[in-house]
Protein backbone atom coordinates (compact mmCIF):
# COMPACT_ATOMS: atom_id res chain seq x y z
CA GLN A 1 66.38 22.31 -40.16
CA VAL A 2 68.94 24.93 -41.11
CA GLN A 3 67.91 28.52 -41.18
CA LEU A 4 69.74 31.34 -42.88
CA VAL A 5 68.93 34.89 -41.86
CA GLU A 6 70.11 37.84 -43.98
CA SER A 7 70.45 41.44 -42.79
CA GLY A 8 72.12 44.61 -43.83
CA GLY A 9 70.07 45.61 -46.85
CA GLY A 10 68.73 49.15 -47.32
CA LEU A 11 68.83 52.23 -49.44
CA VAL A 12 72.14 53.61 -50.60
CA GLN A 13 73.26 56.20 -53.18
CA ALA A 14 75.13 55.11 -56.31
CA GLY A 15 78.80 54.80 -55.47
CA GLY A 16 78.09 53.88 -51.87
CA SER A 17 78.64 50.71 -49.88
CA LEU A 18 76.65 48.19 -47.96
CA ARG A 19 77.54 45.04 -46.07
CA LEU A 20 75.17 42.14 -46.02
CA SER A 21 75.30 39.42 -43.36
CA CYS A 22 73.98 35.90 -43.38
CA ALA A 23 73.81 33.96 -40.14
CA ALA A 24 73.42 30.20 -40.11
CA SER A 25 71.47 28.57 -37.36
CA ARG A 26 73.80 25.51 -37.22
CA ARG A 27 77.42 26.12 -36.58
CA THR A 28 78.59 23.20 -38.67
CA PHE A 29 76.85 24.61 -41.66
CA ILE A 30 79.05 27.65 -41.94
CA THR A 31 81.78 25.34 -43.16
CA TYR A 32 79.78 24.34 -46.19
CA PRO A 33 79.83 26.20 -49.51
CA MET A 34 77.70 29.36 -49.24
CA ALA A 35 76.74 31.92 -51.75
CA TRP A 36 74.84 35.09 -52.47
CA PHE A 37 72.37 35.47 -55.32
CA ARG A 38 70.15 38.36 -56.27
CA GLN A 39 66.89 38.77 -58.08
CA ALA A 40 65.47 41.99 -59.57
CA PRO A 41 61.81 42.27 -60.54
CA GLY A 42 61.14 40.43 -63.74
CA LYS A 43 64.58 38.90 -63.90
CA GLU A 44 66.01 35.51 -63.13
CA ARG A 45 67.91 34.82 -59.98
CA GLU A 46 71.56 35.83 -60.60
CA PHE A 47 74.72 34.46 -59.09
CA VAL A 48 76.69 37.12 -57.13
CA ALA A 49 79.37 35.34 -55.17
CA ALA A 50 80.24 32.11 -53.47
CA ILE A 51 82.82 30.84 -50.96
CA SER A 52 84.12 27.35 -50.93
CA ARG A 53 83.95 24.72 -48.28
CA PHE A 54 87.59 23.82 -47.68
CA ASP A 55 90.04 26.55 -48.56
CA GLY A 56 87.88 29.60 -48.62
CA SER A 57 88.22 30.13 -52.37
CA THR A 58 85.89 32.74 -53.69
CA TYR A 59 83.89 33.07 -56.95
CA TYR A 60 82.09 36.10 -58.30
CA GLY A 61 79.67 36.97 -61.05
CA GLU A 62 81.10 39.04 -63.86
CA SER A 63 78.99 42.06 -63.04
CA VAL A 64 80.33 42.36 -59.49
CA LYS A 65 83.95 41.35 -59.84
CA GLY A 66 86.24 43.94 -58.27
CA ARG A 67 83.46 45.61 -56.37
CA PHE A 68 81.97 42.91 -54.03
CA THR A 69 83.73 40.69 -51.58
CA ILE A 70 82.41 37.58 -49.94
CA SER A 71 83.89 36.34 -46.66
CA ARG A 72 83.00 34.10 -43.75
CA ASP A 73 83.52 34.19 -40.02
CA ASN A 74 83.69 30.58 -38.94
CA ALA A 75 85.34 31.26 -35.58
CA ALA A 76 82.60 32.98 -33.75
CA LYS A 77 79.53 34.18 -35.60
CA ASN A 78 78.56 31.45 -38.07
CA THR A 79 78.17 34.27 -40.55
CA VAL A 80 78.92 34.99 -44.17
CA TYR A 81 79.28 38.53 -45.35
CA LEU A 82 78.98 40.31 -48.65
CA GLN A 83 80.76 43.62 -48.79
CA MET A 84 79.38 45.66 -51.61
CA ASN A 85 81.34 48.74 -52.84
CA SER A 86 80.84 51.17 -55.66
CA LEU A 87 77.17 50.22 -55.89
CA LYS A 88 75.32 50.94 -59.12
CA PRO A 89 71.56 51.26 -59.73
CA GLU A 90 71.62 47.98 -61.53
CA ASP A 91 72.79 46.29 -58.32
CA ALA A 92 69.36 46.89 -56.84
CA ALA A 93 67.60 43.61 -56.09
CA VAL A 94 66.58 41.28 -53.34
CA TYR A 95 69.72 39.50 -52.17
CA TYR A 96 69.50 35.93 -51.02
CA CYS A 97 71.97 33.91 -48.98
CA ALA A 98 72.23 30.20 -49.90
CA ALA A 99 73.98 27.11 -48.54
CA THR A 100 74.49 23.55 -49.63
CA ALA A 101 75.07 20.39 -47.62
CA SER A 102 76.08 18.41 -50.72
CA PRO A 103 79.35 16.53 -50.25
CA GLY A 104 82.35 17.09 -52.43
CA SER A 105 84.67 19.95 -53.23
CA VAL A 106 82.69 21.75 -55.95
CA THR A 107 81.33 25.24 -55.09
CA PRO A 108 78.11 25.72 -57.06
CA THR A 109 77.46 28.97 -58.88
CA THR A 110 73.87 28.21 -59.96
CA PRO A 111 70.76 28.31 -57.76
CA TRP A 112 70.17 24.62 -58.39
CA GLY A 113 73.29 23.75 -56.42
CA TYR A 114 71.88 25.09 -53.17
CA GLN A 115 69.29 23.47 -50.90
CA TYR A 116 68.90 26.14 -48.24
CA TRP A 117 67.89 29.74 -48.70
CA GLY A 118 67.31 32.82 -46.60
CA GLN A 119 64.31 35.04 -46.85
CA GLY A 120 66.17 37.72 -48.70
CA THR A 121 67.07 41.33 -48.00
CA GLN A 122 66.28 44.25 -50.22
CA VAL A 123 68.99 46.51 -51.63
CA THR A 124 67.98 49.72 -53.33
CA VAL A 125 70.44 51.95 -55.11
CA SER A 126 69.44 55.44 -55.96
CA SER A 127 71.10 57.26 -58.90
């Protein structure tokens, strides 16, 4: 059983930054495609960012392009990060880390492409 544990959420003023972390319980899992999604109250789960399995290619939702950066630390910490800069009140949500063990080279950008999810971490942005 793979466990994903997010951390780093909190309260930040608009224009500020936060870095979220997602630690995978199995080292081999960190080499699989991983992603961040977010969900605000009353809204559907939204794709934020993903990082590919093989070459580290990254993908971003339109609303976060140029402000958020996804990265992974395979060497030591089995961890994926989401650096969030220039935060806006509309970025407030519960942020979820996700991973997939599906074979192949495609990096999913929808929730249905991921089998494993963390518990979520709350991000609140004050205006």
